[in-house]
Amino acid sequence: MSFLLEGEPLSLSVWSVGLCVLVVWLAGLILANTDLFLTKSAPSTLEHLENMELKSTPATVKASSLWEKTEVQYICRGMSEAAELSSLKPQLEELGVSLYAVVKEDIGTEIQNFRPYFNGEIFVDEKQCFYGPKPRRMGLGLGLARLGVWQNLLRARKKGYQGNKKGEGFILGGVYVIGAGKQGILLEHREKEFGDKADHPSVLQAAKKIKKGK
């Protein structure tokens, strides 16, 4: 009898600890799906981007050359946007807008494997200027805890898009719309989590605002 009396508080204690652990886990999961733990970003400027060197095959070009020689330019950074943004190319071409991908590295046949999904020129930004001013990262733990990341991953897999496990995979990307000459950055979308896409109507709206001949 004394064993049972002593055991009842012990059982209650174990149950209480388990409940506390569950509550803490749920609270952490909820907080992980807010913007509280996301890396804060500072907006890019044309001055920050224009002197950066971008590597192509076989040449190296200054970033500003992409938007100073033609009427208007459109630049995307981050491979997750590639296939979906390519679907906008006919509409962008009607506006006189060019489509470029700026990726952070080229390991093995990475760019070669990427080309079928992107309908435009591809450049490598080794200094990750287009991912800054300070590159933002999302850790694997936080990424796996976010519902939006799982939704984006499942959506990509259903469409047949596969990533790779080579190189730096935790840096967040985004999208720029840049006007010709000194018109500046008209739209800058920063990924807040893996697979976060820019709003296509907003992209087209920004492209329509570009003034030709500037």
N, C-alpha and C. Protein backbone atom coordinates (compact mmCIF):
# COMPACT_ATOMS: atom_id res chain seq x y z
N MET A 1 0.82 -1.20 0.00
CA MET A 1 0.00 0.00 0.00
C MET A 1 0.86 1.25 0.00
N SER A 2 1.89 1.22 0.81
CA SER A 2 2.79 2.38 0.83
C SER A 2 3.46 2.59 -0.52
N PHE A 3 3.69 1.51 -1.26
CA PHE A 3 4.31 1.61 -2.59
C PHE A 3 3.40 2.38 -3.55
N LEU A 4 2.10 2.10 -3.48
CA LEU A 4 1.15 2.78 -4.35
C LEU A 4 1.03 4.26 -4.00
N LEU A 5 1.03 4.54 -2.69
CA LEU A 5 0.93 5.93 -2.27
C LEU A 5 2.14 6.74 -2.73
N GLU A 6 3.30 6.12 -2.67
CA GLU A 6 4.50 6.81 -3.12
C GLU A 6 4.56 6.88 -4.64
N GLY A 7 3.94 5.91 -5.29
CA GLY A 7 4.02 5.88 -6.74
C GLY A 7 3.09 6.86 -7.41
N GLU A 8 2.00 7.23 -6.79
CA GLU A 8 1.03 8.13 -7.41
C GLU A 8 1.63 9.51 -7.69
N PRO A 9 2.32 10.13 -6.74
CA PRO A 9 2.97 11.41 -7.06
C PRO A 9 4.01 11.29 -8.15
N LEU A 10 4.72 10.17 -8.20
CA LEU A 10 5.72 9.96 -9.23
C LEU A 10 5.07 9.92 -10.60
N SER A 11 3.93 9.21 -10.73
CA SER A 11 3.23 9.13 -12.00
C SER A 11 2.74 10.50 -12.43
N LEU A 12 2.19 11.24 -11.44
CA LEU A 12 1.72 12.58 -11.73
C LEU A 12 2.85 13.48 -12.18
N SER A 13 4.02 13.34 -11.56
CA SER A 13 5.18 14.14 -11.93
C SER A 13 5.63 13.86 -13.35
N VAL A 14 5.69 12.59 -13.73
CA VAL A 14 6.10 12.21 -15.09
C VAL A 14 5.12 12.76 -16.11
N TRP A 15 3.81 12.67 -15.77
CA TRP A 15 2.78 13.18 -16.68
C TRP A 15 2.92 14.69 -16.84
N SER A 16 3.21 15.39 -15.73
CA SER A 16 3.35 16.85 -15.76
C SER A 16 4.54 17.27 -16.62
N VAL A 17 5.65 16.55 -16.47
CA VAL A 17 6.84 16.85 -17.27
C VAL A 17 6.55 16.63 -18.75
N GLY A 18 5.86 15.54 -19.05
CA GLY A 18 5.53 15.26 -20.44
C GLY A 18 4.63 16.32 -21.03
N LEU A 19 3.66 16.80 -20.23
CA LEU A 19 2.77 17.86 -20.69
C LEU A 19 3.54 19.15 -20.94
N CYS A 20 4.46 19.47 -20.03
CA CYS A 20 5.28 20.68 -20.19
C CYS A 20 6.12 20.61 -21.46
N VAL A 21 6.71 19.45 -21.71
CA VAL A 21 7.52 19.27 -22.92
C VAL A 21 6.66 19.46 -24.16
N LEU A 22 5.44 18.92 -24.15
CA LEU A 22 4.53 19.05 -25.30
C LEU A 22 4.15 20.51 -25.52
N VAL A 23 3.86 21.22 -24.42
CA VAL A 23 3.49 22.63 -24.53
C VAL A 23 4.65 23.45 -25.10
N VAL A 24 5.86 23.21 -24.60
CA VAL A 24 7.04 23.93 -25.09
C VAL A 24 7.28 23.63 -26.57
N TRP A 25 7.12 22.36 -26.95
CA TRP A 25 7.32 21.96 -28.36
C TRP A 25 6.30 22.65 -29.26
N LEU A 26 5.03 22.67 -28.84
CA LEU A 26 3.99 23.33 -29.63
C LEU A 26 4.24 24.83 -29.73
N ALA A 27 4.67 25.43 -28.63
CA ALA A 27 4.96 26.87 -28.64
C ALA A 27 6.12 27.18 -29.59
N GLY A 28 7.15 26.33 -29.55
CA GLY A 28 8.28 26.51 -30.45
C GLY A 28 7.88 26.36 -31.90
N LEU A 29 7.00 25.39 -32.17
CA LEU A 29 6.54 25.16 -33.54
C LEU A 29 5.74 26.36 -34.06
N ILE A 30 4.89 26.90 -33.19
CA ILE A 30 4.09 28.06 -33.58
C ILE A 30 4.99 29.27 -33.84
N LEU A 31 5.94 29.51 -32.93
CA LEU A 31 6.85 30.64 -33.11
C LEU A 31 7.71 30.49 -34.35
N ALA A 32 8.10 29.25 -34.67
CA ALA A 32 8.93 29.00 -35.85
C ALA A 32 8.19 29.36 -37.13
N ASN A 33 6.85 29.36 -37.09
CA ASN A 33 6.07 29.69 -38.27
C ASN A 33 5.64 31.15 -38.31
N THR A 34 6.20 31.95 -37.42
CA THR A 34 6.05 33.40 -37.50
C THR A 34 7.32 33.98 -38.09
N ASP A 35 7.40 35.30 -38.19
CA ASP A 35 8.60 35.95 -38.73
C ASP A 35 9.61 36.30 -37.64
N LEU A 36 9.35 35.87 -36.41
CA LEU A 36 10.19 36.27 -35.27
C LEU A 36 11.64 35.83 -35.43
N PHE A 37 11.87 34.61 -35.92
CA PHE A 37 13.22 34.07 -36.00
C PHE A 37 13.85 34.22 -37.40
N LEU A 38 13.14 34.87 -38.30
CA LEU A 38 13.67 35.03 -39.65
C LEU A 38 14.77 36.09 -39.67
N THR A 39 15.80 35.85 -40.50
CA THR A 39 16.90 36.80 -40.63
C THR A 39 16.40 38.08 -41.27
N LYS A 40 16.64 39.20 -40.62
CA LYS A 40 16.21 40.49 -41.15
C LYS A 40 17.14 40.92 -42.28
N SER A 41 16.56 41.59 -43.28
CA SER A 41 17.35 42.00 -44.44
C SER A 41 17.31 43.51 -44.62
N ALA A 42 18.38 44.03 -45.21
CA ALA A 42 18.42 45.45 -45.59
C ALA A 42 18.22 45.53 -47.09
N PRO A 43 17.52 46.55 -47.58
CA PRO A 43 17.27 46.65 -49.02
C PRO A 43 18.56 46.89 -49.80
N SER A 44 18.63 46.32 -50.99
CA SER A 44 19.78 46.53 -51.86
C SER A 44 19.66 47.89 -52.55
N THR A 45 20.77 48.39 -53.05
CA THR A 45 20.78 49.63 -53.82
C THR A 45 21.48 49.38 -55.15
N LEU A 46 21.20 50.24 -56.12
CA LEU A 46 21.84 50.10 -57.41
C LEU A 46 23.35 50.26 -57.28
N GLU A 47 23.79 51.15 -56.41
CA GLU A 47 25.22 51.37 -56.20
C GLU A 47 25.90 50.12 -55.64
N HIS A 48 25.18 49.39 -54.83
CA HIS A 48 25.73 48.16 -54.25
C HIS A 48 25.89 47.06 -55.30
N LEU A 49 25.03 47.07 -56.30
CA LEU A 49 25.01 45.98 -57.27
C LEU A 49 25.84 46.24 -58.53
N GLU A 50 25.86 47.48 -58.99
CA GLU A 50 26.30 47.74 -60.35
C GLU A 50 27.77 47.43 -60.63
N ASN A 51 28.65 47.49 -59.65
CA ASN A 51 30.08 47.23 -59.89
C ASN A 51 30.50 45.79 -59.63
N MET A 52 29.56 44.96 -59.25
CA MET A 52 29.88 43.56 -58.99
C MET A 52 30.18 42.80 -60.28
N GLU A 53 31.17 41.92 -60.24
CA GLU A 53 31.52 41.12 -61.40
C GLU A 53 30.74 39.81 -61.39
N LEU A 54 30.12 39.51 -62.52
CA LEU A 54 29.35 38.28 -62.68
C LEU A 54 30.02 37.41 -63.73
N LYS A 55 30.16 36.14 -63.44
CA LYS A 55 30.82 35.23 -64.36
C LYS A 55 29.80 34.55 -65.26
N SER A 56 30.15 34.52 -66.55
CA SER A 56 29.36 33.80 -67.53
C SER A 56 30.32 32.90 -68.28
N THR A 57 29.86 32.28 -69.36
CA THR A 57 30.75 31.44 -70.16
C THR A 57 30.96 32.08 -71.52
N PRO A 58 32.17 32.53 -71.86
CA PRO A 58 33.40 32.35 -71.08
C PRO A 58 33.86 33.62 -70.37
N ALA A 59 33.05 34.69 -70.43
CA ALA A 59 33.52 36.00 -69.99
C ALA A 59 33.06 36.35 -68.59
N THR A 60 33.66 37.45 -68.08
CA THR A 60 33.21 38.04 -66.83
C THR A 60 32.70 39.43 -67.15
N VAL A 61 31.51 39.79 -66.65
CA VAL A 61 30.92 41.07 -66.98
C VAL A 61 30.62 41.85 -65.70
N LYS A 62 30.54 43.16 -65.83
CA LYS A 62 30.12 44.00 -64.71
C LYS A 62 28.59 43.96 -64.65
N ALA A 63 28.04 43.88 -63.47
CA ALA A 63 26.60 43.72 -63.31
C ALA A 63 25.82 44.83 -64.01
N SER A 64 26.31 46.07 -63.94
CA SER A 64 25.58 47.19 -64.53
C SER A 64 25.40 47.05 -66.04
N SER A 65 26.27 46.26 -66.69
CA SER A 65 26.15 46.08 -68.14
C SER A 65 24.86 45.34 -68.51
N LEU A 66 24.27 44.66 -67.57
CA LEU A 66 23.03 43.93 -67.85
C LEU A 66 21.85 44.87 -68.03
N TRP A 67 21.91 46.06 -67.41
CA TRP A 67 20.77 46.96 -67.54
C TRP A 67 21.10 48.33 -68.11
N GLU A 68 22.35 48.55 -68.57
CA GLU A 68 22.68 49.88 -69.11
C GLU A 68 22.66 49.93 -70.63
N LYS A 69 22.67 48.75 -71.29
CA LYS A 69 22.77 48.75 -72.76
C LYS A 69 21.43 48.59 -73.46
N THR A 70 20.42 48.15 -72.77
CA THR A 70 19.12 47.95 -73.39
C THR A 70 18.07 48.76 -72.65
N GLU A 71 16.86 48.74 -73.17
CA GLU A 71 15.80 49.56 -72.59
C GLU A 71 15.50 49.18 -71.15
N VAL A 72 15.22 47.90 -70.92
CA VAL A 72 14.86 47.48 -69.58
C VAL A 72 15.42 46.10 -69.32
N GLN A 73 15.58 45.77 -68.07
CA GLN A 73 16.11 44.46 -67.72
C GLN A 73 15.36 43.89 -66.52
N TYR A 74 15.31 42.60 -66.48
CA TYR A 74 14.71 41.89 -65.35
C TYR A 74 15.72 40.87 -64.86
N ILE A 75 15.95 40.84 -63.56
CA ILE A 75 16.97 39.95 -63.02
C ILE A 75 16.37 39.10 -61.92
N CYS A 76 16.63 37.81 -61.94
CA CYS A 76 16.19 36.96 -60.84
C CYS A 76 17.41 36.38 -60.16
N ARG A 77 17.33 36.17 -58.87
CA ARG A 77 18.40 35.54 -58.13
C ARG A 77 17.79 34.40 -57.34
N GLY A 78 18.46 33.29 -57.27
CA GLY A 78 17.91 32.14 -56.57
C GLY A 78 17.28 31.17 -57.55
N MET A 79 17.73 29.94 -57.53
CA MET A 79 17.31 28.95 -58.52
C MET A 79 15.87 28.48 -58.34
N SER A 80 15.30 28.68 -57.17
CA SER A 80 13.95 28.19 -56.92
C SER A 80 12.90 28.88 -57.78
N GLU A 81 13.22 30.09 -58.24
CA GLU A 81 12.26 30.84 -59.05
C GLU A 81 12.31 30.47 -60.53
N ALA A 82 13.37 29.81 -60.96
CA ALA A 82 13.72 29.74 -62.37
C ALA A 82 12.60 29.30 -63.30
N ALA A 83 12.06 28.11 -63.08
CA ALA A 83 11.08 27.56 -64.02
C ALA A 83 9.82 28.40 -64.09
N GLU A 84 9.32 28.85 -62.94
CA GLU A 84 8.08 29.61 -62.93
C GLU A 84 8.27 31.00 -63.53
N LEU A 85 9.42 31.63 -63.28
CA LEU A 85 9.67 32.94 -63.86
C LEU A 85 9.85 32.85 -65.38
N SER A 86 10.38 31.73 -65.84
CA SER A 86 10.55 31.56 -67.29
C SER A 86 9.22 31.58 -68.01
N SER A 87 8.15 31.20 -67.31
CA SER A 87 6.83 31.21 -67.94
C SER A 87 6.36 32.64 -68.23
N LEU A 88 6.98 33.63 -67.59
CA LEU A 88 6.63 35.03 -67.83
C LEU A 88 7.39 35.64 -69.00
N LYS A 89 8.34 34.91 -69.56
CA LYS A 89 9.23 35.51 -70.57
C LYS A 89 8.48 36.11 -71.76
N PRO A 90 7.44 35.46 -72.32
CA PRO A 90 6.73 36.09 -73.44
C PRO A 90 6.16 37.46 -73.07
N GLN A 91 5.59 37.58 -71.88
CA GLN A 91 5.03 38.86 -71.44
C GLN A 91 6.12 39.88 -71.19
N LEU A 92 7.25 39.43 -70.64
CA LEU A 92 8.37 40.34 -70.39
C LEU A 92 8.97 40.84 -71.69
N GLU A 93 9.07 39.97 -72.69
CA GLU A 93 9.63 40.36 -73.97
C GLU A 93 8.76 41.39 -74.66
N GLU A 94 7.44 41.29 -74.49
CA GLU A 94 6.54 42.30 -75.05
C GLU A 94 6.80 43.67 -74.45
N LEU A 95 7.29 43.68 -73.22
CA LEU A 95 7.61 44.93 -72.53
C LEU A 95 9.05 45.36 -72.77
N GLY A 96 9.81 44.54 -73.53
CA GLY A 96 11.21 44.84 -73.77
C GLY A 96 12.11 44.48 -72.62
N VAL A 97 11.69 43.52 -71.83
CA VAL A 97 12.42 43.16 -70.61
C VAL A 97 13.17 41.84 -70.81
N SER A 98 14.43 41.81 -70.42
CA SER A 98 15.25 40.60 -70.51
C SER A 98 15.22 39.84 -69.19
N LEU A 99 15.43 38.55 -69.26
CA LEU A 99 15.37 37.69 -68.08
C LEU A 99 16.73 37.07 -67.83
N TYR A 100 17.26 37.25 -66.63
CA TYR A 100 18.55 36.69 -66.25
C TYR A 100 18.44 35.94 -64.93
N ALA A 101 19.26 34.92 -64.78
CA ALA A 101 19.40 34.24 -63.49
C ALA A 101 20.79 34.55 -62.94
N VAL A 102 20.84 34.90 -61.67
CA VAL A 102 22.11 35.15 -61.00
C VAL A 102 22.21 34.15 -59.86
N VAL A 103 23.09 33.17 -60.01
CA VAL A 103 23.24 32.11 -59.01
C VAL A 103 24.54 32.31 -58.22
N LYS A 104 24.64 31.67 -57.08
CA LYS A 104 25.77 31.94 -56.18
C LYS A 104 26.97 31.05 -56.39
N GLU A 105 26.82 29.96 -57.14
CA GLU A 105 27.94 29.04 -57.32
C GLU A 105 27.69 28.12 -58.51
N ASP A 106 28.75 27.50 -58.98
CA ASP A 106 28.66 26.53 -60.07
C ASP A 106 29.54 25.34 -59.71
N ILE A 107 28.95 24.31 -59.15
CA ILE A 107 29.68 23.13 -58.72
C ILE A 107 29.35 21.97 -59.65
N GLY A 108 30.38 21.38 -60.24
CA GLY A 108 30.17 20.26 -61.16
C GLY A 108 29.35 20.67 -62.36
N THR A 109 28.24 19.99 -62.58
CA THR A 109 27.36 20.28 -63.72
C THR A 109 26.10 21.01 -63.26
N GLU A 110 26.21 21.74 -62.16
CA GLU A 110 25.04 22.38 -61.57
C GLU A 110 24.32 23.31 -62.55
N ILE A 111 25.05 24.21 -63.19
CA ILE A 111 24.41 25.15 -64.12
C ILE A 111 23.92 24.42 -65.36
N GLN A 112 24.69 23.46 -65.82
CA GLN A 112 24.27 22.67 -66.98
C GLN A 112 22.93 21.97 -66.71
N ASN A 113 22.77 21.44 -65.51
CA ASN A 113 21.52 20.78 -65.15
C ASN A 113 20.39 21.77 -64.94
N PHE A 114 20.75 23.01 -64.64
CA PHE A 114 19.77 24.05 -64.37
C PHE A 114 19.19 24.66 -65.63
N ARG A 115 19.98 24.65 -66.72
CA ARG A 115 19.59 25.34 -67.95
C ARG A 115 18.23 24.91 -68.51
N PRO A 116 17.88 23.62 -68.49
CA PRO A 116 16.57 23.23 -69.05
C PRO A 116 15.38 23.87 -68.35
N TYR A 117 15.59 24.37 -67.11
CA TYR A 117 14.49 24.95 -66.34
C TYR A 117 14.43 26.46 -66.42
N PHE A 118 15.44 27.07 -67.08
CA PHE A 118 15.48 28.53 -67.12
C PHE A 118 15.68 29.02 -68.54
N ASN A 119 14.81 29.88 -69.00
CA ASN A 119 14.83 30.37 -70.37
C ASN A 119 15.48 31.76 -70.42
N GLY A 120 16.80 31.78 -70.19
CA GLY A 120 17.53 33.04 -70.21
C GLY A 120 19.00 32.81 -69.89
N GLU A 121 19.77 33.89 -69.89
CA GLU A 121 21.20 33.78 -69.57
C GLU A 121 21.40 33.57 -68.07
N ILE A 122 22.48 32.87 -67.74
CA ILE A 122 22.77 32.55 -66.34
C ILE A 122 24.15 33.09 -65.98
N PHE A 123 24.25 33.77 -64.84
CA PHE A 123 25.51 34.32 -64.37
C PHE A 123 25.78 33.84 -62.95
N VAL A 124 27.07 33.77 -62.60
CA VAL A 124 27.47 33.35 -61.26
C VAL A 124 27.96 34.56 -60.48
N ASP A 125 27.39 34.77 -59.32
CA ASP A 125 27.76 35.87 -58.43
C ASP A 125 28.55 35.27 -57.26
N GLU A 126 29.86 35.13 -57.45
CA GLU A 126 30.69 34.46 -56.44
C GLU A 126 30.76 35.23 -55.12
N LYS A 127 30.63 36.55 -55.18
CA LYS A 127 30.67 37.35 -53.95
C LYS A 127 29.29 37.47 -53.32
N GLN A 128 28.29 36.89 -53.94
CA GLN A 128 26.92 36.84 -53.43
C GLN A 128 26.36 38.23 -53.16
N CYS A 129 26.75 39.18 -54.02
CA CYS A 129 26.28 40.55 -53.88
C CYS A 129 24.77 40.64 -54.06
N PHE A 130 24.25 39.89 -55.02
CA PHE A 130 22.82 39.93 -55.30
C PHE A 130 22.00 39.21 -54.23
N TYR A 131 22.67 38.58 -53.30
CA TYR A 131 22.00 37.90 -52.19
C TYR A 131 22.08 38.74 -50.91
N GLY A 132 22.58 39.96 -51.03
CA GLY A 132 22.84 40.79 -49.86
C GLY A 132 21.94 41.99 -49.79
N PRO A 133 22.46 43.10 -49.19
CA PRO A 133 23.85 43.37 -48.86
C PRO A 133 24.51 42.34 -47.95
N LYS A 134 23.76 41.75 -47.06
CA LYS A 134 24.28 40.67 -46.24
C LYS A 134 23.46 39.42 -46.51
N PRO A 135 24.10 38.35 -47.05
CA PRO A 135 23.35 37.13 -47.35
C PRO A 135 22.59 36.62 -46.12
N ARG A 136 21.36 36.20 -46.35
CA ARG A 136 20.53 35.68 -45.27
C ARG A 136 20.44 34.16 -45.39
N ARG A 137 20.49 33.49 -44.26
CA ARG A 137 20.43 32.03 -44.24
C ARG A 137 19.26 31.55 -43.39
N MET A 138 18.76 30.39 -43.77
CA MET A 138 17.76 29.71 -42.94
C MET A 138 18.30 28.35 -42.61
N GLY A 139 18.44 28.06 -41.32
CA GLY A 139 18.95 26.77 -40.89
C GLY A 139 17.99 25.63 -41.20
N LEU A 140 18.52 24.43 -41.25
CA LEU A 140 17.70 23.27 -41.57
C LEU A 140 16.61 23.05 -40.53
N GLY A 141 16.95 23.25 -39.26
CA GLY A 141 15.97 23.04 -38.20
C GLY A 141 14.77 23.96 -38.33
N LEU A 142 15.03 25.27 -38.53
CA LEU A 142 13.95 26.22 -38.69
C LEU A 142 13.16 25.95 -39.96
N GLY A 143 13.89 25.59 -41.03
CA GLY A 143 13.22 25.31 -42.29
C GLY A 143 12.24 24.15 -42.19
N LEU A 144 12.67 23.08 -41.53
CA LEU A 144 11.82 21.90 -41.39
C LEU A 144 10.64 22.14 -40.46
N ALA A 145 10.73 23.16 -39.62
CA ALA A 145 9.64 23.46 -38.68
C ALA A 145 8.56 24.35 -39.29
N ARG A 146 8.82 24.90 -40.47
CA ARG A 146 7.88 25.84 -41.07
C ARG A 146 6.94 25.14 -42.05
N LEU A 147 5.65 25.33 -41.85
CA LEU A 147 4.64 24.71 -42.70
C LEU A 147 4.79 25.16 -44.15
N GLY A 148 5.11 26.46 -44.34
CA GLY A 148 5.25 26.99 -45.69
C GLY A 148 6.35 26.30 -46.48
N VAL A 149 7.45 25.94 -45.81
CA VAL A 149 8.55 25.26 -46.49
C VAL A 149 8.09 23.90 -47.00
N TRP A 150 7.35 23.15 -46.17
CA TRP A 150 6.85 21.85 -46.59
C TRP A 150 5.86 21.99 -47.75
N GLN A 151 5.03 23.01 -47.71
CA GLN A 151 4.08 23.23 -48.80
C GLN A 151 4.80 23.56 -50.10
N ASN A 152 5.84 24.40 -50.00
CA ASN A 152 6.62 24.75 -51.19
C ASN A 152 7.36 23.55 -51.75
N LEU A 153 7.90 22.72 -50.84
CA LEU A 153 8.63 21.53 -51.26
C LEU A 153 7.71 20.54 -51.97
N LEU A 154 6.54 20.30 -51.41
CA LEU A 154 5.59 19.37 -52.02
C LEU A 154 5.09 19.88 -53.36
N ARG A 155 4.86 21.19 -53.46
CA ARG A 155 4.41 21.77 -54.71
C ARG A 155 5.48 21.61 -55.79
N ALA A 156 6.74 21.83 -55.43
CA ALA A 156 7.83 21.69 -56.39
C ALA A 156 7.98 20.24 -56.85
N ARG A 157 7.86 19.30 -55.92
CA ARG A 157 8.00 17.88 -56.26
C ARG A 157 6.87 17.41 -57.16
N LYS A 158 5.67 17.92 -56.93
CA LYS A 158 4.54 17.54 -57.78
C LYS A 158 4.73 18.01 -59.21
N LYS A 159 5.46 19.12 -59.37
CA LYS A 159 5.74 19.64 -60.70
C LYS A 159 7.00 19.03 -61.31
N GLY A 160 7.64 18.14 -60.56
CA GLY A 160 8.80 17.42 -61.09
C GLY A 160 10.13 18.11 -60.92
N TYR A 161 10.19 19.17 -60.11
CA TYR A 161 11.46 19.88 -59.91
C TYR A 161 12.23 19.24 -58.76
N GLN A 162 13.50 18.93 -59.02
CA GLN A 162 14.35 18.30 -58.01
C GLN A 162 15.55 19.20 -57.74
N GLY A 163 15.91 19.34 -56.48
CA GLY A 163 17.09 20.10 -56.12
C GLY A 163 18.30 19.19 -56.09
N ASN A 164 19.41 19.70 -55.54
CA ASN A 164 20.60 18.88 -55.37
C ASN A 164 21.18 19.13 -53.98
N LYS A 165 22.08 18.29 -53.57
CA LYS A 165 22.65 18.38 -52.22
C LYS A 165 24.08 18.91 -52.24
N LYS A 166 24.46 19.57 -53.34
CA LYS A 166 25.82 20.08 -53.46
C LYS A 166 25.86 21.56 -53.07
N GLY A 167 27.00 21.96 -52.49
CA GLY A 167 27.25 23.37 -52.22
C GLY A 167 26.42 23.93 -51.07
N GLU A 168 26.34 25.25 -51.04
CA GLU A 168 25.64 26.00 -49.99
C GLU A 168 24.14 26.02 -50.30
N GLY A 169 23.34 25.38 -49.46
CA GLY A 169 21.92 25.29 -49.74
C GLY A 169 21.03 26.05 -48.78
N PHE A 170 21.64 26.87 -47.89
CA PHE A 170 20.85 27.52 -46.86
C PHE A 170 20.68 29.03 -47.08
N ILE A 171 21.31 29.58 -48.13
CA ILE A 171 21.19 31.01 -48.40
C ILE A 171 19.89 31.28 -49.14
N LEU A 172 19.15 32.28 -48.67
CA LEU A 172 17.89 32.64 -49.29
C LEU A 172 18.11 33.57 -50.47
N GLY A 173 17.28 33.42 -51.49
CA GLY A 173 17.41 34.23 -52.69
C GLY A 173 16.27 35.22 -52.83
N GLY A 174 15.88 35.49 -54.07
CA GLY A 174 14.80 36.43 -54.31
C GLY A 174 14.76 36.90 -55.74
N VAL A 175 14.14 38.04 -55.98
CA VAL A 175 13.91 38.56 -57.34
C VAL A 175 14.11 40.07 -57.35
N TYR A 176 14.74 40.55 -58.43
CA TYR A 176 14.85 41.99 -58.68
C TYR A 176 14.15 42.34 -59.99
N VAL A 177 13.54 43.49 -60.04
CA VAL A 177 13.19 44.14 -61.31
C VAL A 177 13.97 45.45 -61.32
N ILE A 178 14.85 45.60 -62.32
CA ILE A 178 15.75 46.76 -62.40
C ILE A 178 15.50 47.51 -63.69
N GLY A 179 15.32 48.81 -63.60
CA GLY A 179 15.12 49.63 -64.78
C GLY A 179 16.42 49.94 -65.48
N ALA A 180 16.31 50.27 -66.77
CA ALA A 180 17.51 50.60 -67.55
C ALA A 180 18.17 51.86 -67.03
N GLY A 181 19.50 51.92 -67.20
CA GLY A 181 20.25 53.10 -66.77
C GLY A 181 20.23 53.27 -65.27
N LYS A 182 19.81 54.45 -64.82
CA LYS A 182 19.81 54.79 -63.39
C LYS A 182 18.40 54.80 -62.79
N GLN A 183 17.47 54.09 -63.42
CA GLN A 183 16.10 54.07 -62.89
C GLN A 183 16.03 53.35 -61.54
N GLY A 184 16.98 52.48 -61.31
CA GLY A 184 17.06 51.83 -60.01
C GLY A 184 16.27 50.55 -59.88
N ILE A 185 16.20 50.06 -58.65
CA ILE A 185 15.51 48.82 -58.35
C ILE A 185 14.02 49.12 -58.14
N LEU A 186 13.18 48.59 -59.02
CA LEU A 186 11.75 48.87 -58.97
C LEU A 186 10.98 47.84 -58.17
N LEU A 187 11.54 46.68 -58.01
CA LEU A 187 10.94 45.65 -57.16
C LEU A 187 12.05 44.78 -56.62
N GLU A 188 11.98 44.49 -55.34
CA GLU A 188 12.93 43.57 -54.72
C GLU A 188 12.16 42.64 -53.79
N HIS A 189 12.11 41.38 -54.18
CA HIS A 189 11.44 40.38 -53.35
C HIS A 189 12.51 39.52 -52.68
N ARG A 190 12.44 39.42 -51.37
CA ARG A 190 13.38 38.57 -50.62
C ARG A 190 12.65 37.33 -50.11
N GLU A 191 13.20 36.17 -50.39
CA GLU A 191 12.64 34.95 -49.82
C GLU A 191 12.64 35.04 -48.29
N LYS A 192 11.52 34.75 -47.67
CA LYS A 192 11.52 34.69 -46.21
C LYS A 192 11.70 33.26 -45.73
N GLU A 193 11.51 32.29 -46.63
CA GLU A 193 11.73 30.88 -46.33
C GLU A 193 12.01 30.16 -47.63
N PHE A 194 12.50 28.92 -47.58
CA PHE A 194 12.82 28.17 -48.78
C PHE A 194 11.59 28.04 -49.68
N GLY A 195 11.75 28.40 -50.95
CA GLY A 195 10.67 28.24 -51.91
C GLY A 195 9.66 29.36 -51.94
N ASP A 196 9.88 30.43 -51.19
CA ASP A 196 8.96 31.56 -51.18
C ASP A 196 9.06 32.29 -52.51
N LYS A 197 7.97 32.34 -53.27
CA LYS A 197 8.00 32.89 -54.62
C LYS A 197 7.56 34.35 -54.67
N ALA A 198 8.10 35.08 -55.62
CA ALA A 198 7.65 36.44 -55.87
C ALA A 198 6.28 36.39 -56.52
N ASP A 199 5.46 37.39 -56.21
CA ASP A 199 4.13 37.48 -56.80
C ASP A 199 4.24 37.90 -58.25
N HIS A 200 3.80 37.05 -59.18
CA HIS A 200 3.98 37.33 -60.60
C HIS A 200 3.27 38.60 -61.07
N PRO A 201 2.02 38.87 -60.65
CA PRO A 201 1.40 40.15 -61.04
C PRO A 201 2.21 41.36 -60.59
N SER A 202 2.83 41.28 -59.41
CA SER A 202 3.66 42.39 -58.92
C SER A 202 4.90 42.56 -59.78
N VAL A 203 5.46 41.43 -60.22
CA VAL A 203 6.64 41.47 -61.09
C VAL A 203 6.30 42.17 -62.41
N LEU A 204 5.19 41.78 -63.02
CA LEU A 204 4.79 42.38 -64.29
C LEU A 204 4.42 43.85 -64.12
N GLN A 205 3.78 44.18 -63.01
CA GLN A 205 3.42 45.57 -62.74
C GLN A 205 4.66 46.44 -62.62
N ALA A 206 5.69 45.92 -61.93
CA ALA A 206 6.94 46.67 -61.79
C ALA A 206 7.62 46.83 -63.15
N ALA A 207 7.59 45.77 -63.97
CA ALA A 207 8.20 45.85 -65.30
C ALA A 207 7.53 46.89 -66.18
N LYS A 208 6.22 47.05 -66.02
CA LYS A 208 5.48 48.03 -66.83
C LYS A 208 5.81 49.47 -66.44
N LYS A 209 6.33 49.66 -65.24
CA LYS A 209 6.67 51.00 -64.75
C LYS A 209 8.00 51.50 -65.31
N ILE A 210 8.78 50.61 -65.91
CA ILE A 210 10.10 51.01 -66.41
C ILE A 210 9.96 51.95 -67.58
N LYS A 211 10.71 53.03 -67.54
CA LYS A 211 10.68 54.01 -68.63
C LYS A 211 11.75 53.67 -69.65
N LYS A 212 11.35 53.59 -70.89
CA LYS A 212 12.30 53.25 -71.95
C LYS A 212 13.18 54.44 -72.30
N GLY A 213 14.39 54.10 -72.74
CA GLY A 213 15.31 55.13 -73.21
C GLY A 213 15.98 55.91 -72.11
N LYS A 214 15.90 55.41 -70.86
CA LYS A 214 16.53 56.11 -69.73
C LYS A 214 17.89 55.53 -69.42
